[in-house]
Amino acid sequence: MADEGLKWLVFTGTLGFEHWVLEVARDMKNDFGFQLATIFDFETHGENWNEGNRVKLSEFKQVDFVKYAYPNYEHKGQLRDYQLFLLENTDGAYLFMMKKMKQN
């Protein structure tokens, strides 16, 4: 998709695999001309994380566009609405999965 006119990659500020994708996307950004965004669920996202994870969180905030869906968590309906917003406002998605490994 990157070489087919991709305009935005949108992240949610999740550690692990999504953070790795952010690192790769930052390396590819200039070559392909897309922009990076993070739409967090809450402004308080990650406030209880340890220092190492907060450093990674700060990388999600150093993108072209940052927005927060809500100031803070008040009820579970916010999470549903946040996910629904992302789904309804996305033209496509990259899906990644691992092949099932044989168990010994």
PDB file of N, CA and C in Angstrom:
ATOM      1  N   MET A   1       0.808  -1.190   0.000  1.00  0.00           N
ATOM      2  CA  MET A   1       0.000   0.000   0.000  1.00  0.00           C
ATOM      3  C   MET A   1       0.854   1.257   0.000  1.00  0.00           C
ATOM      4  N   ALA A   2       2.021   1.195   0.582  1.00  0.00           N
ATOM      5  CA  ALA A   2       2.858   2.385   0.663  1.00  0.00           C
ATOM      6  C   ALA A   2       3.214   2.906  -0.721  1.00  0.00           C
ATOM      7  N   ASP A   3       3.429   2.021  -1.673  1.00  0.00           N
ATOM      8  CA  ASP A   3       3.786   2.461  -3.020  1.00  0.00           C
ATOM      9  C   ASP A   3       2.562   2.671  -3.909  1.00  0.00           C
ATOM     10  N   GLU A   4       1.361   2.569  -3.341  1.00  0.00           N
ATOM     11  CA  GLU A   4       0.118   2.751  -4.090  1.00  0.00           C
ATOM     12  C   GLU A   4      -0.659   3.981  -3.622  1.00  0.00           C
ATOM     13  N   GLY A   5       0.027   4.960  -3.066  1.00  0.00           N
ATOM     14  CA  GLY A   5      -0.626   6.199  -2.687  1.00  0.00           C
ATOM     15  C   GLY A   5      -1.109   6.282  -1.251  1.00  0.00           C
ATOM     16  N   LEU A   6      -0.569   5.477  -0.375  1.00  0.00           N
ATOM     17  CA  LEU A   6      -0.917   5.552   1.047  1.00  0.00           C
ATOM     18  C   LEU A   6      -0.675   6.974   1.538  1.00  0.00           C
ATOM     19  N   LYS A   7      -1.669   7.550   2.237  1.00  0.00           N
ATOM     20  CA  LYS A   7      -1.529   8.923   2.717  1.00  0.00           C
ATOM     21  C   LYS A   7      -1.232   9.009   4.214  1.00  0.00           C
ATOM     22  N   TRP A   8      -1.853   8.129   4.992  1.00  0.00           N
ATOM     23  CA  TRP A   8      -1.688   8.168   6.448  1.00  0.00           C
ATOM     24  C   TRP A   8      -1.548   6.764   7.012  1.00  0.00           C
ATOM     25  N   LEU A   9      -0.705   6.628   8.012  1.00  0.00           N
ATOM     26  CA  LEU A   9      -0.691   5.456   8.882  1.00  0.00           C
ATOM     27  C   LEU A   9      -1.117   5.960  10.254  1.00  0.00           C
ATOM     28  N   VAL A  10      -2.153   5.367  10.793  1.00  0.00           N
ATOM     29  CA  VAL A  10      -2.713   5.816  12.071  1.00  0.00           C
ATOM     30  C   VAL A  10      -2.418   4.778  13.146  1.00  0.00           C
ATOM     31  N   PHE A  11      -1.862   5.242  14.249  1.00  0.00           N
ATOM     32  CA  PHE A  11      -1.512   4.390  15.373  1.00  0.00           C
ATOM     33  C   PHE A  11      -2.397   4.717  16.566  1.00  0.00           C
ATOM     34  N   THR A  12      -2.401   3.810  17.541  1.00  0.00           N
ATOM     35  CA  THR A  12      -3.198   4.014  18.750  1.00  0.00           C
ATOM     36  C   THR A  12      -2.344   4.123  20.016  1.00  0.00           C
ATOM     37  N   GLY A  13      -1.028   4.044  19.881  1.00  0.00           N
ATOM     38  CA  GLY A  13      -0.149   4.187  21.031  1.00  0.00           C
ATOM     39  C   GLY A  13       0.055   2.919  21.828  1.00  0.00           C
ATOM     40  N   THR A  14      -0.046   1.778  21.146  1.00  0.00           N
ATOM     41  CA  THR A  14       0.104   0.488  21.816  1.00  0.00           C
ATOM     42  C   THR A  14       1.559   0.033  21.746  1.00  0.00           C
ATOM     43  N   LEU A  15       2.060  -0.466  22.861  1.00  0.00           N
ATOM     44  CA  LEU A  15       3.433  -0.974  22.907  1.00  0.00           C
ATOM     45  C   LEU A  15       3.526  -2.306  22.180  1.00  0.00           C
ATOM     46  N   GLY A  16       4.733  -2.798  22.030  1.00  0.00           N
ATOM     47  CA  GLY A  16       4.942  -4.093  21.386  1.00  0.00           C
ATOM     48  C   GLY A  16       4.980  -3.951  19.884  1.00  0.00           C
ATOM     49  N   PHE A  17       4.180  -4.744  19.211  1.00  0.00           N
ATOM     50  CA  PHE A  17       4.210  -4.798  17.756  1.00  0.00           C
ATOM     51  C   PHE A  17       3.906  -3.445  17.118  1.00  0.00           C
ATOM     52  N   GLU A  18       2.909  -2.732  17.624  1.00  0.00           N
ATOM     53  CA  GLU A  18       2.569  -1.435  17.028  1.00  0.00           C
ATOM     54  C   GLU A  18       3.726  -0.451  17.159  1.00  0.00           C
ATOM     55  N   HIS A  19       4.437  -0.483  18.247  1.00  0.00           N
ATOM     56  CA  HIS A  19       5.595   0.398  18.401  1.00  0.00           C
ATOM     57  C   HIS A  19       6.671   0.042  17.377  1.00  0.00           C
ATOM     58  N   TRP A  20       6.878  -1.232  17.150  1.00  0.00           N
ATOM     59  CA  TRP A  20       7.844  -1.664  16.140  1.00  0.00           C
ATOM     60  C   TRP A  20       7.431  -1.158  14.757  1.00  0.00           C
ATOM     61  N   VAL A  21       6.150  -1.252  14.426  1.00  0.00           N
ATOM     62  CA  VAL A  21       5.657  -0.758  13.136  1.00  0.00           C
ATOM     63  C   VAL A  21       5.892   0.747  13.022  1.00  0.00           C
ATOM     64  N   LEU A  22       5.697   1.483  14.106  1.00  0.00           N
ATOM     65  CA  LEU A  22       5.970   2.919  14.094  1.00  0.00           C
ATOM     66  C   LEU A  22       7.430   3.179  13.735  1.00  0.00           C
ATOM     67  N   GLU A  23       8.344   2.421  14.325  1.00  0.00           N
ATOM     68  CA  GLU A  23       9.768   2.595  14.026  1.00  0.00           C
ATOM     69  C   GLU A  23      10.048   2.347  12.543  1.00  0.00           C
ATOM     70  N   VAL A  24       9.483   1.286  12.001  1.00  0.00           N
ATOM     71  CA  VAL A  24       9.677   0.958  10.585  1.00  0.00           C
ATOM     72  C   VAL A  24       9.055   2.039   9.706  1.00  0.00           C
ATOM     73  N   ALA A  25       7.851   2.478  10.061  1.00  0.00           N
ATOM     74  CA  ALA A  25       7.149   3.499   9.270  1.00  0.00           C
ATOM     75  C   ALA A  25       7.926   4.811   9.252  1.00  0.00           C
ATOM     76  N   ARG A  26       8.526   5.168  10.362  1.00  0.00           N
ATOM     77  CA  ARG A  26       9.325   6.406  10.388  1.00  0.00           C
ATOM     78  C   ARG A  26      10.491   6.309   9.412  1.00  0.00           C
ATOM     79  N   ASP A  27      11.084   5.126   9.294  1.00  0.00           N
ATOM     80  CA  ASP A  27      12.179   4.935   8.340  1.00  0.00           C
ATOM     81  C   ASP A  27      11.696   5.010   6.895  1.00  0.00           C
ATOM     82  N   MET A  28      10.470   4.581   6.627  1.00  0.00           N
ATOM     83  CA  MET A  28       9.913   4.542   5.274  1.00  0.00           C
ATOM     84  C   MET A  28       9.245   5.849   4.855  1.00  0.00           C
ATOM     85  N   LYS A  29       8.894   6.666   5.801  1.00  0.00           N
ATOM     86  CA  LYS A  29       8.055   7.839   5.570  1.00  0.00           C
ATOM     87  C   LYS A  29       8.572   8.750   4.454  1.00  0.00           C
ATOM     88  N   ASN A  30       9.819   9.109   4.486  1.00  0.00           N
ATOM     89  CA  ASN A  30      10.352  10.029   3.483  1.00  0.00           C
ATOM     90  C   ASN A  30      10.391   9.418   2.093  1.00  0.00           C
ATOM     91  N   ASP A  31      10.639   8.130   2.003  1.00  0.00           N
ATOM     92  CA  ASP A  31      10.698   7.470   0.700  1.00  0.00           C
ATOM     93  C   ASP A  31       9.327   7.368   0.037  1.00  0.00           C
ATOM     94  N   PHE A  32       8.276   7.234   0.832  1.00  0.00           N
ATOM     95  CA  PHE A  32       6.945   6.996   0.275  1.00  0.00           C
ATOM     96  C   PHE A  32       5.990   8.185   0.432  1.00  0.00           C
ATOM     97  N   GLY A  33       6.335   9.171   1.237  1.00  0.00           N
ATOM     98  CA  GLY A  33       5.555  10.394   1.330  1.00  0.00           C
ATOM     99  C   GLY A  33       4.266  10.329   2.135  1.00  0.00           C
ATOM    100  N   PHE A  34       4.068   9.285   2.927  1.00  0.00           N
ATOM    101  CA  PHE A  34       2.871   9.231   3.766  1.00  0.00           C
ATOM    102  C   PHE A  34       3.129   9.965   5.077  1.00  0.00           C
ATOM    103  N   GLN A  35       2.063  10.209   5.821  1.00  0.00           N
ATOM    104  CA  GLN A  35       2.173  10.869   7.109  1.00  0.00           C
ATOM    105  C   GLN A  35       1.767   9.906   8.220  1.00  0.00           C
ATOM    106  N   LEU A  36       2.195  10.242   9.433  1.00  0.00           N
ATOM    107  CA  LEU A  36       1.936   9.400  10.595  1.00  0.00           C
ATOM    108  C   LEU A  36       1.042  10.138  11.584  1.00  0.00           C
ATOM    109  N   ALA A  37       0.093   9.412  12.159  1.00  0.00           N
ATOM    110  CA  ALA A  37      -0.812   9.982  13.152  1.00  0.00           C
ATOM    111  C   ALA A  37      -0.971   8.999  14.306  1.00  0.00           C
ATOM    112  N   THR A  38      -1.222   9.539  15.470  1.00  0.00           N
ATOM    113  CA  THR A  38      -1.609   8.724  16.616  1.00  0.00           C
ATOM    114  C   THR A  38      -2.898   9.299  17.168  1.00  0.00           C
ATOM    115  N   ILE A  39      -3.895   8.445  17.284  1.00  0.00           N
ATOM    116  CA  ILE A  39      -5.147   8.826  17.918  1.00  0.00           C
ATOM    117  C   ILE A  39      -5.274   7.973  19.175  1.00  0.00           C
ATOM    118  N   PHE A  40      -5.017   8.603  20.293  1.00  0.00           N
ATOM    119  CA  PHE A  40      -5.070   7.920  21.584  1.00  0.00           C
ATOM    120  C   PHE A  40      -6.511   7.825  22.069  1.00  0.00           C
ATOM    121  N   ASP A  41      -6.790   6.820  22.861  1.00  0.00           N
ATOM    122  CA  ASP A  41      -8.110   6.712  23.461  1.00  0.00           C
ATOM    123  C   ASP A  41      -8.336   7.803  24.506  1.00  0.00           C
ATOM    124  N   PHE A  42      -7.346   8.029  25.380  1.00  0.00           N
ATOM    125  CA  PHE A  42      -7.483   8.989  26.468  1.00  0.00           C
ATOM    126  C   PHE A  42      -6.222   9.838  26.612  1.00  0.00           C
ATOM    127  N   GLU A  43      -6.376  11.048  27.086  1.00  0.00           N
ATOM    128  CA  GLU A  43      -5.211  11.899  27.362  1.00  0.00           C
ATOM    129  C   GLU A  43      -4.336  11.280  28.445  1.00  0.00           C
ATOM    130  N   THR A  44      -4.911  10.442  29.274  1.00  0.00           N
ATOM    131  CA  THR A  44      -4.171   9.799  30.362  1.00  0.00           C
ATOM    132  C   THR A  44      -3.511   8.491  29.915  1.00  0.00           C
ATOM    133  N   HIS A  45      -3.576   8.175  28.631  1.00  0.00           N
ATOM    134  CA  HIS A  45      -3.000   6.940  28.093  1.00  0.00           C
ATOM    135  C   HIS A  45      -1.524   6.832  28.490  1.00  0.00           C
ATOM    136  N   GLY A  46      -1.173   5.775  29.195  1.00  0.00           N
ATOM    137  CA  GLY A  46       0.210   5.499  29.556  1.00  0.00           C
ATOM    138  C   GLY A  46       0.732   6.234  30.776  1.00  0.00           C
ATOM    139  N   GLU A  47      -0.112   6.965  31.483  1.00  0.00           N
ATOM    140  CA  GLU A  47       0.403   7.753  32.606  1.00  0.00           C
ATOM    141  C   GLU A  47       0.960   6.902  33.743  1.00  0.00           C
ATOM    142  N   ASN A  48       0.560   5.644  33.833  1.00  0.00           N
ATOM    143  CA  ASN A  48       1.062   4.761  34.890  1.00  0.00           C
ATOM    144  C   ASN A  48       2.175   3.836  34.413  1.00  0.00           C
ATOM    145  N   TRP A  49       2.671   4.056  33.210  1.00  0.00           N
ATOM    146  CA  TRP A  49       3.714   3.191  32.659  1.00  0.00           C
ATOM    147  C   TRP A  49       5.070   3.515  33.277  1.00  0.00           C
ATOM    148  N   ASN A  50       5.979   2.530  33.213  1.00  0.00           N
ATOM    149  CA  ASN A  50       7.333   2.764  33.703  1.00  0.00           C
ATOM    150  C   ASN A  50       8.091   3.675  32.736  1.00  0.00           C
ATOM    151  N   GLU A  51       9.253   4.132  33.154  1.00  0.00           N
ATOM    152  CA  GLU A  51      10.010   5.120  32.384  1.00  0.00           C
ATOM    153  C   GLU A  51      10.355   4.627  30.974  1.00  0.00           C
ATOM    154  N   GLY A  52      10.764   3.381  30.842  1.00  0.00           N
ATOM    155  CA  GLY A  52      11.107   2.846  29.521  1.00  0.00           C
ATOM    156  C   GLY A  52       9.929   2.864  28.570  1.00  0.00           C
ATOM    157  N   ASN A  53       8.766   2.502  29.069  1.00  0.00           N
ATOM    158  CA  ASN A  53       7.572   2.510  28.227  1.00  0.00           C
ATOM    159  C   ASN A  53       7.096   3.927  27.929  1.00  0.00           C
ATOM    160  N   ARG A  54       7.339   4.840  28.855  1.00  0.00           N
ATOM    161  CA  ARG A  54       6.974   6.242  28.597  1.00  0.00           C
ATOM    162  C   ARG A  54       7.832   6.839  27.483  1.00  0.00           C
ATOM    163  N   VAL A  55       9.060   6.390  27.379  1.00  0.00           N
ATOM    164  CA  VAL A  55       9.912   6.837  26.271  1.00  0.00           C
ATOM    165  C   VAL A  55       9.307   6.373  24.952  1.00  0.00           C
ATOM    166  N   LYS A  56       8.877   5.131  24.894  1.00  0.00           N
ATOM    167  CA  LYS A  56       8.223   4.620  23.685  1.00  0.00           C
ATOM    168  C   LYS A  56       6.925   5.372  23.409  1.00  0.00           C
ATOM    169  N   LEU A  57       6.170   5.659  24.457  1.00  0.00           N
ATOM    170  CA  LEU A  57       4.936   6.416  24.307  1.00  0.00           C
ATOM    171  C   LEU A  57       5.216   7.789  23.700  1.00  0.00           C
ATOM    172  N   SER A  58       6.295   8.419  24.123  1.00  0.00           N
ATOM    173  CA  SER A  58       6.625   9.750  23.598  1.00  0.00           C
ATOM    174  C   SER A  58       6.890   9.709  22.097  1.00  0.00           C
ATOM    175  N   GLU A  59       7.368   8.573  21.586  1.00  0.00           N
ATOM    176  CA  GLU A  59       7.599   8.443  20.151  1.00  0.00           C
ATOM    177  C   GLU A  59       6.283   8.479  19.371  1.00  0.00           C
ATOM    178  N   PHE A  60       5.201   7.959  19.962  1.00  0.00           N
ATOM    179  CA  PHE A  60       3.892   8.030  19.324  1.00  0.00           C
ATOM    180  C   PHE A  60       3.375   9.468  19.277  1.00  0.00           C
ATOM    181  N   LYS A  61       3.919  10.329  20.129  1.00  0.00           N
ATOM    182  CA  LYS A  61       3.495  11.726  20.164  1.00  0.00           C
ATOM    183  C   LYS A  61       4.336  12.605  19.249  1.00  0.00           C
ATOM    184  N   GLN A  62       5.395  12.040  18.665  1.00  0.00           N
ATOM    185  CA  GLN A  62       6.276  12.783  17.770  1.00  0.00           C
ATOM    186  C   GLN A  62       5.979  12.418  16.322  1.00  0.00           C
ATOM    187  N   VAL A  63       4.716  12.544  15.948  1.00  0.00           N
ATOM    188  CA  VAL A  63       4.265  12.233  14.592  1.00  0.00           C
ATOM    189  C   VAL A  63       3.597  13.485  14.020  1.00  0.00           C
ATOM    190  N   ASP A  64       3.066  13.369  12.808  1.00  0.00           N
ATOM    191  CA  ASP A  64       2.497  14.526  12.127  1.00  0.00           C
ATOM    192  C   ASP A  64       1.172  15.012  12.728  1.00  0.00           C
ATOM    193  N   PHE A  65       0.436  14.111  13.366  1.00  0.00           N
ATOM    194  CA  PHE A  65      -0.879  14.455  13.911  1.00  0.00           C
ATOM    195  C   PHE A  65      -1.111  13.630  15.168  1.00  0.00           C
ATOM    196  N   VAL A  66      -1.519  14.286  16.249  1.00  0.00           N
ATOM    197  CA  VAL A  66      -1.828  13.603  17.510  1.00  0.00           C
ATOM    198  C   VAL A  66      -3.172  14.119  18.012  1.00  0.00           C
ATOM    199  N   LYS A  67      -4.025  13.205  18.399  1.00  0.00           N
ATOM    200  CA  LYS A  67      -5.348  13.570  18.908  1.00  0.00           C
ATOM    201  C   LYS A  67      -5.737  12.588  20.007  1.00  0.00           C
ATOM    202  N   TYR A  68      -6.552  13.052  20.934  1.00  0.00           N
ATOM    203  CA  TYR A  68      -7.073  12.223  22.022  1.00  0.00           C
ATOM    204  C   TYR A  68      -8.585  12.163  21.889  1.00  0.00           C
ATOM    205  N   ALA A  69      -9.132  10.962  21.976  1.00  0.00           N
ATOM    206  CA  ALA A  69     -10.583  10.809  21.857  1.00  0.00           C
ATOM    207  C   ALA A  69     -11.299  11.373  23.077  1.00  0.00           C
ATOM    208  N   TYR A  70     -10.738  11.172  24.255  1.00  0.00           N
ATOM    209  CA  TYR A  70     -11.373  11.611  25.506  1.00  0.00           C
ATOM    210  C   TYR A  70     -10.300  12.094  26.473  1.00  0.00           C
ATOM    211  N   PRO A  71     -10.674  12.991  27.384  1.00  0.00           N
ATOM    212  CA  PRO A  71      -9.701  13.431  28.400  1.00  0.00           C
ATOM    213  C   PRO A  71      -9.269  12.279  29.315  1.00  0.00           C
ATOM    214  N   ASN A  72     -10.241  11.497  29.803  1.00  0.00           N
ATOM    215  CA  ASN A  72      -9.906  10.362  30.675  1.00  0.00           C
ATOM    216  C   ASN A  72     -11.029   9.336  30.627  1.00  0.00           C
ATOM    217  N   TYR A  73     -10.751   8.184  31.190  1.00  0.00           N
ATOM    218  CA  TYR A  73     -11.724   7.093  31.188  1.00  0.00           C
ATOM    219  C   TYR A  73     -12.856   7.390  32.161  1.00  0.00           C
ATOM    220  N   GLU A  74     -14.084   7.252  31.661  1.00  0.00           N
ATOM    221  CA  GLU A  74     -15.255   7.414  32.522  1.00  0.00           C
ATOM    222  C   GLU A  74     -16.171   6.196  32.480  1.00  0.00           C
ATOM    223  N   HIS A  75     -16.274   5.553  31.300  1.00  0.00           N
ATOM    224  CA  HIS A  75     -17.124   4.367  31.186  1.00  0.00           C
ATOM    225  C   HIS A  75     -16.721   3.564  29.948  1.00  0.00           C
ATOM    226  N   LYS A  76     -17.095   2.279  29.922  1.00  0.00           N
ATOM    227  CA  LYS A  76     -16.672   1.374  28.860  1.00  0.00           C
ATOM    228  C   LYS A  76     -17.206   1.763  27.484  1.00  0.00           C
ATOM    229  N   GLY A  77     -18.288   2.499  27.438  1.00  0.00           N
ATOM    230  CA  GLY A  77     -18.828   2.942  26.162  1.00  0.00           C
ATOM    231  C   GLY A  77     -17.854   3.811  25.383  1.00  0.00           C
ATOM    232  N   GLN A  78     -16.959   4.500  26.089  1.00  0.00           N
ATOM    233  CA  GLN A  78     -15.944   5.316  25.427  1.00  0.00           C
ATOM    234  C   GLN A  78     -15.019   4.450  24.573  1.00  0.00           C
ATOM    235  N   LEU A  79     -14.632   3.308  25.097  1.00  0.00           N
ATOM    236  CA  LEU A  79     -13.739   2.412  24.351  1.00  0.00           C
ATOM    237  C   LEU A  79     -14.427   1.879  23.103  1.00  0.00           C
ATOM    238  N   ARG A  80     -15.695   1.518  23.240  1.00  0.00           N
ATOM    239  CA  ARG A  80     -16.471   1.053  22.094  1.00  0.00           C
ATOM    240  C   ARG A  80     -16.555   2.148  21.036  1.00  0.00           C
ATOM    241  N   ASP A  81     -16.891   3.355  21.456  1.00  0.00           N
ATOM    242  CA  ASP A  81     -17.035   4.465  20.523  1.00  0.00           C
ATOM    243  C   ASP A  81     -15.707   4.831  19.872  1.00  0.00           C
ATOM    244  N   TYR A  82     -14.636   4.735  20.618  1.00  0.00           N
ATOM    245  CA  TYR A  82     -13.296   5.004  20.087  1.00  0.00           C
ATOM    246  C   TYR A  82     -12.958   4.006  18.980  1.00  0.00           C
ATOM    247  N   GLN A  83     -13.171   2.726  19.251  1.00  0.00           N
ATOM    248  CA  GLN A  83     -12.903   1.697  18.242  1.00  0.00           C
ATOM    249  C   GLN A  83     -13.809   1.876  17.019  1.00  0.00           C
ATOM    250  N   LEU A  84     -15.052   2.198  17.246  1.00  0.00           N
ATOM    251  CA  LEU A  84     -15.994   2.420  16.158  1.00  0.00           C
ATOM    252  C   LEU A  84     -15.566   3.601  15.297  1.00  0.00           C
ATOM    253  N   PHE A  85     -15.116   4.668  15.933  1.00  0.00           N
ATOM    254  CA  PHE A  85     -14.614   5.825  15.194  1.00  0.00           C
ATOM    255  C   PHE A  85     -13.452   5.429  14.288  1.00  0.00           C
ATOM    256  N   LEU A  86     -12.510   4.670  14.839  1.00  0.00           N
ATOM    257  CA  LEU A  86     -11.356   4.246  14.032  1.00  0.00           C
ATOM    258  C   LEU A  86     -11.793   3.403  12.846  1.00  0.00           C
ATOM    259  N   LEU A  87     -12.704   2.476  13.068  1.00  0.00           N
ATOM    260  CA  LEU A  87     -13.177   1.617  11.991  1.00  0.00           C
ATOM    261  C   LEU A  87     -13.942   2.389  10.921  1.00  0.00           C
ATOM    262  N   GLU A  88     -14.775   3.304  11.329  1.00  0.00           N
ATOM    263  CA  GLU A  88     -15.595   4.052  10.375  1.00  0.00           C
ATOM    264  C   GLU A  88     -14.821   5.107   9.603  1.00  0.00           C
ATOM    265  N   ASN A  89     -13.647   5.475  10.085  1.00  0.00           N
ATOM    266  CA  ASN A  89     -12.870   6.525   9.439  1.00  0.00           C
ATOM    267  C   ASN A  89     -11.552   6.024   8.867  1.00  0.00           C
ATOM    268  N   THR A  90     -11.515   4.745   8.550  1.00  0.00           N
ATOM    269  CA  THR A  90     -10.323   4.128   7.978  1.00  0.00           C
ATOM    270  C   THR A  90     -10.689   3.497   6.645  1.00  0.00           C
ATOM    271  N   ASP A  91      -9.889   3.774   5.637  1.00  0.00           N
ATOM    272  CA  ASP A  91     -10.137   3.199   4.311  1.00  0.00           C
ATOM    273  C   ASP A  91      -9.579   1.793   4.169  1.00  0.00           C
ATOM    274  N   GLY A  92      -8.583   1.456   4.956  1.00  0.00           N
ATOM    275  CA  GLY A  92      -7.970   0.139   4.868  1.00  0.00           C
ATOM    276  C   GLY A  92      -7.155  -0.130   6.115  1.00  0.00           C
ATOM    277  N   ALA A  93      -6.646  -1.328   6.199  1.00  0.00           N
ATOM    278  CA  ALA A  93      -5.858  -1.702   7.366  1.00  0.00           C
ATOM    279  C   ALA A  93      -4.826  -2.748   6.980  1.00  0.00           C
ATOM    280  N   TYR A  94      -3.723  -2.706   7.645  1.00  0.00           N
ATOM    281  CA  TYR A  94      -2.737  -3.774   7.529  1.00  0.00           C
ATOM    282  C   TYR A  94      -3.035  -4.770   8.636  1.00  0.00           C
ATOM    283  N   LEU A  95      -3.120  -6.026   8.295  1.00  0.00           N
ATOM    284  CA  LEU A  95      -3.320  -7.079   9.282  1.00  0.00           C
ATOM    285  C   LEU A  95      -2.103  -7.982   9.280  1.00  0.00           C
ATOM    286  N   PHE A  96      -1.601  -8.283  10.438  1.00  0.00           N
ATOM    287  CA  PHE A  96      -0.429  -9.130  10.577  1.00  0.00           C
ATOM    288  C   PHE A  96      -0.790 -10.318  11.454  1.00  0.00           C
ATOM    289  N   MET A  97      -0.285 -11.475  11.091  1.00  0.00           N
ATOM    290  CA  MET A  97      -0.491 -12.644  11.925  1.00  0.00           C
ATOM    291  C   MET A  97       0.690 -13.581  11.767  1.00  0.00           C
ATOM    292  N   MET A  98       0.919 -14.377  12.771  1.00  0.00           N
ATOM    293  CA  MET A  98       2.007 -15.337  12.730  1.00  0.00           C
ATOM    294  C   MET A  98       1.440 -16.680  12.327  1.00  0.00           C
ATOM    295  N   LYS A  99       2.219 -17.393  11.522  1.00  0.00           N
ATOM    296  CA  LYS A  99       1.814 -18.753  11.218  1.00  0.00           C
ATOM    297  C   LYS A  99       1.857 -19.577  12.493  1.00  0.00           C
ATOM    298  N   LYS A 100       0.942 -20.490  12.592  1.00  0.00           N
ATOM    299  CA  LYS A 100       0.919 -21.341  13.767  1.00  0.00           C
ATOM    300  C   LYS A 100       2.184 -22.201  13.782  1.00  0.00           C
ATOM    301  N   MET A 101       2.837 -22.195  14.914  1.00  0.00           N
ATOM    302  CA  MET A 101       4.078 -22.960  15.061  1.00  0.00           C
ATOM    303  C   MET A 101       3.746 -24.387  15.501  1.00  0.00           C
ATOM    304  N   LYS A 102       4.486 -25.322  14.986  1.00  0.00           N
ATOM    305  CA  LYS A 102       4.296 -26.710  15.411  1.00  0.00           C
ATOM    306  C   LYS A 102       4.728 -26.872  16.848  1.00  0.00           C
ATOM    307  N   GLN A 103       3.914 -27.581  17.596  1.00  0.00           N
ATOM    308  CA  GLN A 103       4.217 -27.858  18.990  1.00  0.00           C
ATOM    309  C   GLN A 103       4.931 -29.211  19.080  1.00  0.00           C
ATOM    310  N   ASN A 104       5.950 -29.297  19.896  1.00  0.00           N
ATOM    311  CA  ASN A 104       6.647 -30.579  20.093  1.00  0.00           C
ATOM    312  C   ASN A 104       5.991 -31.365  21.194  1.00  0.00           C
TER     313      ASN A 104
END
